[in-house]
Amino acid sequence: MTELQDIFAEYTRMRKNGLDSKVALHALRGYIEPLVKSQREQLAQLLRAWEAGETNTPLPRSRRPTGEVPKPGGPIKPLAPPAGDSASPVIRSVNIPHTPPASENVDLGELQGRFDTHTLVDETTRVSEDFFGVTSVMVLLVRGTNQAFEVRPQQYDHEIIIGRSSEQSAMHPDIDLQAFQGAEMGVSRLHMALRYDNDHNAIHIYDLGSSNGSYLNNQRLNPHEVRFLRDGDQLRLGRMVIGVRFKHPGR
């Protein structure tokens, strides 16, 4: 499928599974913004027609993908564990994404960023389990492996997508779980989203209409449900379990 077909398919899947249009667009923002202007305008036309119930709107002509959707920062691929060391997790840092110039952006329904001035916390303040400051680092440890992803959501201007890559799709998540038998474990291509909350110094998570559900500490996330993530929490995507740790440098 083409990039437009992939994005259109993911948008309509999310909408059919209970997400409202604004949430779906924010989740797909990192895939939409790198498109050229003509593609974004065509996508906007397709989405408006679909929302209006014009299901006979023609999709872009299918062609064999020539490459991945150029998402800012690129997908994060896990590193192989070093020989003879199985105790310590291998940490993979997530790169800070590049944001296209503002002049190239097209409004697909209030896709403006929500990242303003950060609130600094006094060094003597006791850090709560849900606190995630401007220098904090999140570590996601995949159960049953010695692989971990090191993420700084506060440095992104779009949601961080967790899911799995597929040969049939040019869209790749920020955190790619395909190397951990993602398909067999029931992980959707775009399964869950993380975003940073400036006002509360916290991380929000929500499900992206996944087939097998997202769970926080064994409680399933419902459509439209946004939850705070805390240090020590456990995520489950389908049958894949991921431990969450927050690190606070200097504390």
Protein backbone atom coordinates (compact mmCIF):
# COMPACT_ATOMS: atom_id res chain seq x y z
CA MET A 1 0.00 0.00 0.00
CA THR A 2 1.01 3.63 -0.42
CA GLU A 3 1.81 5.89 2.51
CA LEU A 4 -1.57 7.60 2.15
CA GLN A 5 -3.40 4.28 2.12
CA ASP A 6 -1.56 3.18 5.27
CA ILE A 7 -2.35 6.38 7.15
CA PHE A 8 -5.95 6.41 5.93
CA ALA A 9 -6.41 2.75 6.97
CA GLU A 10 -4.98 3.39 10.45
CA TYR A 11 -7.13 6.49 10.93
CA THR A 12 -10.36 4.73 9.97
CA ARG A 13 -9.43 1.70 12.13
CA MET A 14 -8.91 3.95 15.15
CA ARG A 15 -12.19 5.77 14.53
CA LYS A 16 -14.13 2.52 14.16
CA ASN A 17 -12.60 1.26 17.42
CA GLY A 18 -13.79 4.22 19.44
CA LEU A 19 -11.19 6.99 19.17
CA ASP A 20 -12.44 10.46 18.30
CA SER A 21 -11.03 12.25 15.28
CA LYS A 22 -8.79 14.67 17.19
CA VAL A 23 -7.14 11.89 19.20
CA ALA A 24 -6.59 9.78 16.07
CA LEU A 25 -5.02 12.71 14.22
CA HIS A 26 -2.70 13.49 17.12
CA ALA A 27 -1.61 9.86 17.22
CA LEU A 28 -0.83 9.94 13.49
CA ARG A 29 0.78 13.37 13.51
CA GLY A 30 4.31 12.01 13.27
CA TYR A 31 3.38 10.16 10.07
CA ILE A 32 1.38 12.99 8.50
CA GLU A 33 3.73 15.94 8.91
CA PRO A 34 6.64 14.51 6.84
CA LEU A 35 4.38 14.05 3.80
CA VAL A 36 4.71 16.56 0.99
CA LYS A 37 2.05 19.25 0.81
CA SER A 38 0.08 17.65 -2.02
CA GLN A 39 -0.09 14.34 -0.12
CA ARG A 40 -1.29 16.03 3.06
CA GLU A 41 -3.97 17.89 1.16
CA GLN A 42 -5.11 14.67 -0.52
CA LEU A 43 -5.17 12.90 2.85
CA ALA A 44 -7.21 15.71 4.39
CA GLN A 45 -9.73 15.40 1.54
CA LEU A 46 -9.98 11.63 2.05
CA LEU A 47 -10.50 11.97 5.81
CA ARG A 48 -13.15 14.67 5.43
CA ALA A 49 -15.00 12.55 2.88
CA TRP A 50 -14.85 9.48 5.13
CA GLU A 51 -16.13 11.45 8.12
CA ALA A 52 -18.98 12.74 5.96
CA GLY A 53 -19.94 9.18 5.11
CA GLU A 54 -18.77 9.28 1.50
CA THR A 55 -17.40 5.74 1.55
CA ASN A 56 -17.09 5.62 -2.24
CA THR A 57 -14.29 8.21 -2.25
CA PRO A 58 -11.45 6.75 -4.38
CA LEU A 59 -8.20 5.97 -2.57
CA PRO A 60 -4.79 6.72 -4.05
CA ARG A 61 -3.66 4.14 -6.60
CA SER A 62 -1.81 1.27 -4.93
CA ARG A 63 1.83 0.77 -5.67
CA ARG A 64 4.66 -1.24 -4.22
CA PRO A 65 6.22 0.72 -1.32
CA THR A 66 9.54 2.29 -2.26
CA GLY A 67 10.47 3.07 1.31
CA GLU A 68 9.20 3.81 4.78
CA VAL A 69 7.09 6.80 5.74
CA PRO A 70 9.80 9.31 6.74
CA LYS A 71 8.66 9.68 10.34
CA PRO A 72 10.73 12.17 12.35
CA GLY A 73 13.45 10.37 14.30
CA GLY A 74 12.83 7.03 12.60
CA PRO A 75 11.82 3.74 14.22
CA ILE A 76 13.89 2.49 17.14
CA LYS A 77 15.47 -0.90 16.56
CA PRO A 78 16.70 -2.90 19.58
CA LEU A 79 20.37 -3.74 19.91
CA ALA A 80 21.68 -7.30 20.12
CA PRO A 81 22.85 -8.27 23.64
CA PRO A 82 26.61 -8.34 24.14
CA ALA A 83 28.20 -11.78 24.23
CA GLY A 84 28.55 -13.25 27.70
CA ASP A 85 26.39 -10.64 29.42
CA SER A 86 22.77 -11.67 29.96
CA ALA A 87 22.17 -9.97 33.33
CA SER A 88 22.13 -6.29 32.40
CA PRO A 89 19.52 -5.01 29.95
CA VAL A 90 20.71 -3.54 26.68
CA ILE A 91 19.51 0.07 26.61
CA ARG A 92 18.53 1.68 23.32
CA SER A 93 18.10 5.45 23.43
CA VAL A 94 15.25 6.91 21.39
CA ASN A 95 16.43 9.78 19.18
CA ILE A 96 14.84 13.19 19.42
CA PRO A 97 12.67 13.57 16.29
CA HIS A 98 13.10 16.30 13.73
CA THR A 99 10.04 18.50 13.24
CA PRO A 100 9.36 19.82 9.70
CA PRO A 101 9.32 23.62 9.31
CA ALA A 102 6.08 25.22 10.46
CA SER A 103 5.50 26.62 6.98
CA GLU A 104 5.14 23.07 5.67
CA ASN A 105 2.46 22.03 8.16
CA VAL A 106 -1.17 21.60 7.14
CA ASP A 107 -3.94 21.81 9.75
CA LEU A 108 -5.87 18.53 9.67
CA GLY A 109 -7.99 19.42 12.64
CA GLU A 110 -6.08 21.34 15.31
CA LEU A 111 -2.83 19.42 15.06
CA GLN A 112 -1.05 22.13 17.00
CA GLY A 113 1.50 21.10 19.60
CA ARG A 114 0.71 21.16 23.29
CA PHE A 115 4.22 21.60 24.60
CA ASP A 116 4.74 24.92 26.35
CA THR A 117 6.80 26.16 29.30
CA HIS A 118 7.95 23.41 31.65
CA THR A 119 7.34 23.67 35.39
CA LEU A 120 10.53 23.25 37.39
CA VAL A 121 10.38 21.33 40.68
CA ASP A 122 12.50 22.27 43.68
CA GLU A 123 15.34 19.81 44.28
CA THR A 124 14.16 19.18 47.85
CA THR A 125 10.70 18.11 46.70
CA ARG A 126 10.03 14.41 47.12
CA VAL A 127 9.48 12.79 43.74
CA SER A 128 6.13 11.03 43.45
CA GLU A 129 5.73 7.83 41.44
CA ASP A 130 3.96 9.64 38.60
CA PHE A 131 6.36 12.62 38.44
CA PHE A 132 8.24 12.96 35.14
CA GLY A 133 10.28 16.13 34.87
CA VAL A 134 12.15 17.89 32.10
CA THR A 135 15.30 15.82 32.73
CA SER A 136 13.59 12.50 33.54
CA VAL A 137 14.15 9.37 31.47
CA MET A 138 11.71 6.49 30.95
CA VAL A 139 13.03 2.95 30.57
CA LEU A 140 10.77 0.28 29.05
CA LEU A 141 11.97 -3.27 29.73
CA VAL A 142 10.50 -6.08 27.63
CA ARG A 143 9.80 -9.08 29.86
CA GLY A 144 11.68 -12.26 29.00
CA THR A 145 14.50 -10.38 27.29
CA ASN A 146 17.45 -8.22 28.29
CA GLN A 147 16.33 -5.48 25.92
CA ALA A 148 15.13 -2.06 27.05
CA PHE A 149 14.17 1.21 25.38
CA GLU A 150 15.27 4.52 26.91
CA VAL A 151 12.80 7.28 26.05
CA ARG A 152 12.47 11.01 26.73
CA PRO A 153 8.86 11.83 25.76
CA GLN A 154 9.23 15.46 26.87
CA GLN A 155 11.52 16.06 23.89
CA TYR A 156 8.88 15.04 21.34
CA ASP A 157 6.24 17.27 19.79
CA HIS A 158 4.06 14.30 18.88
CA GLU A 159 2.86 11.13 20.56
CA ILE A 160 5.35 8.27 20.84
CA ILE A 161 3.83 5.22 19.18
CA ILE A 162 4.47 1.69 20.46
CA GLY A 163 3.67 -1.16 18.07
CA ARG A 164 5.29 -3.44 15.51
CA SER A 165 6.54 -3.07 11.97
CA SER A 166 5.14 -5.09 9.08
CA GLU A 167 6.40 -5.90 5.59
CA GLN A 168 2.94 -4.97 4.29
CA SER A 169 3.13 -1.44 5.69
CA ALA A 170 5.47 1.51 5.19
CA MET A 171 4.46 2.89 8.61
CA HIS A 172 6.75 2.07 11.52
CA PRO A 173 6.18 2.81 15.21
CA ASP A 174 8.68 4.78 17.29
CA ILE A 175 9.19 1.74 19.51
CA ASP A 176 9.15 -1.37 17.33
CA LEU A 177 8.35 -4.65 19.11
CA GLN A 178 8.40 -6.87 16.02
CA ALA A 179 11.83 -8.28 16.98
CA PHE A 180 10.22 -9.69 20.14
CA GLN A 181 7.64 -11.76 18.21
CA GLY A 182 5.29 -8.81 18.26
CA ALA A 183 2.80 -10.31 15.80
CA GLU A 184 2.68 -13.64 17.64
CA MET A 185 2.22 -11.82 20.97
CA GLY A 186 -0.79 -9.92 19.65
CA VAL A 187 0.81 -6.48 19.28
CA SER A 188 -0.92 -4.25 16.71
CA ARG A 189 1.06 -2.19 14.19
CA LEU A 190 0.09 1.01 16.02
CA HIS A 191 -0.92 -0.27 19.45
CA MET A 192 -0.42 2.36 22.17
CA ALA A 193 0.55 6.03 22.43
CA LEU A 194 2.56 7.92 25.05
CA ARG A 195 2.58 11.69 25.43
CA TYR A 196 4.13 14.15 27.84
CA ASP A 197 1.96 16.45 29.96
CA ASN A 198 3.82 19.73 30.59
CA ASP A 199 1.32 21.10 33.05
CA HIS A 200 1.44 18.12 35.40
CA ASN A 201 4.96 16.79 34.69
CA ALA A 202 3.51 13.40 33.84
CA ILE A 203 3.21 10.78 31.10
CA HIS A 204 -0.19 9.92 29.60
CA ILE A 205 -0.93 6.65 27.81
CA TYR A 206 -3.88 5.49 25.73
CA ASP A 207 -4.80 2.60 23.46
CA LEU A 208 -4.99 3.15 19.70
CA GLY A 209 -7.92 0.85 19.03
CA SER A 210 -5.70 -2.23 19.13
CA SER A 211 -7.11 -5.67 18.33
CA ASN A 212 -5.97 -7.33 21.56
CA GLY A 213 -6.10 -4.41 23.96
CA SER A 214 -3.71 -2.44 26.13
CA TYR A 215 -3.47 -3.07 29.86
CA LEU A 216 -2.05 -1.02 32.72
CA ASN A 217 -1.33 -3.16 35.79
CA ASN A 218 -3.74 -5.80 34.42
CA GLN A 219 -6.56 -3.27 33.91
CA ARG A 220 -7.70 -2.88 30.32
CA LEU A 221 -7.72 0.62 28.86
CA ASN A 222 -11.11 1.49 27.40
CA PRO A 223 -11.65 3.63 24.29
CA HIS A 224 -11.15 7.34 25.09
CA GLU A 225 -9.50 6.40 28.41
CA VAL A 226 -6.27 8.27 29.16
CA ARG A 227 -4.22 7.12 32.15
CA PHE A 228 -1.17 8.45 33.98
CA LEU A 229 1.93 6.27 33.85
CA ARG A 230 3.90 5.72 37.06
CA ASP A 231 7.32 4.42 37.97
CA GLY A 232 7.06 0.67 38.52
CA ASP A 233 3.92 0.22 36.40
CA GLN A 234 3.44 -2.77 34.12
CA LEU A 235 2.12 -2.46 30.58
CA ARG A 236 0.70 -5.31 28.56
CA LEU A 237 0.15 -5.06 24.81
CA GLY A 238 -1.74 -8.16 23.76
CA ARG A 239 0.33 -10.78 25.59
CA MET A 240 3.59 -8.82 25.68
CA VAL A 241 4.52 -7.43 29.10
CA ILE A 242 6.68 -4.33 29.48
CA GLY A 243 8.02 -2.96 32.76
CA VAL A 244 8.21 0.80 33.30
CA ARG A 245 10.96 2.63 35.19
CA PHE A 246 11.50 6.37 35.63
CA LYS A 247 15.00 7.74 36.16
CA HIS A 248 15.57 11.24 37.53
CA PRO A 249 19.17 12.41 36.99
CA GLY A 250 20.53 14.44 39.89
CA ARG A 251 17.99 13.14 42.39
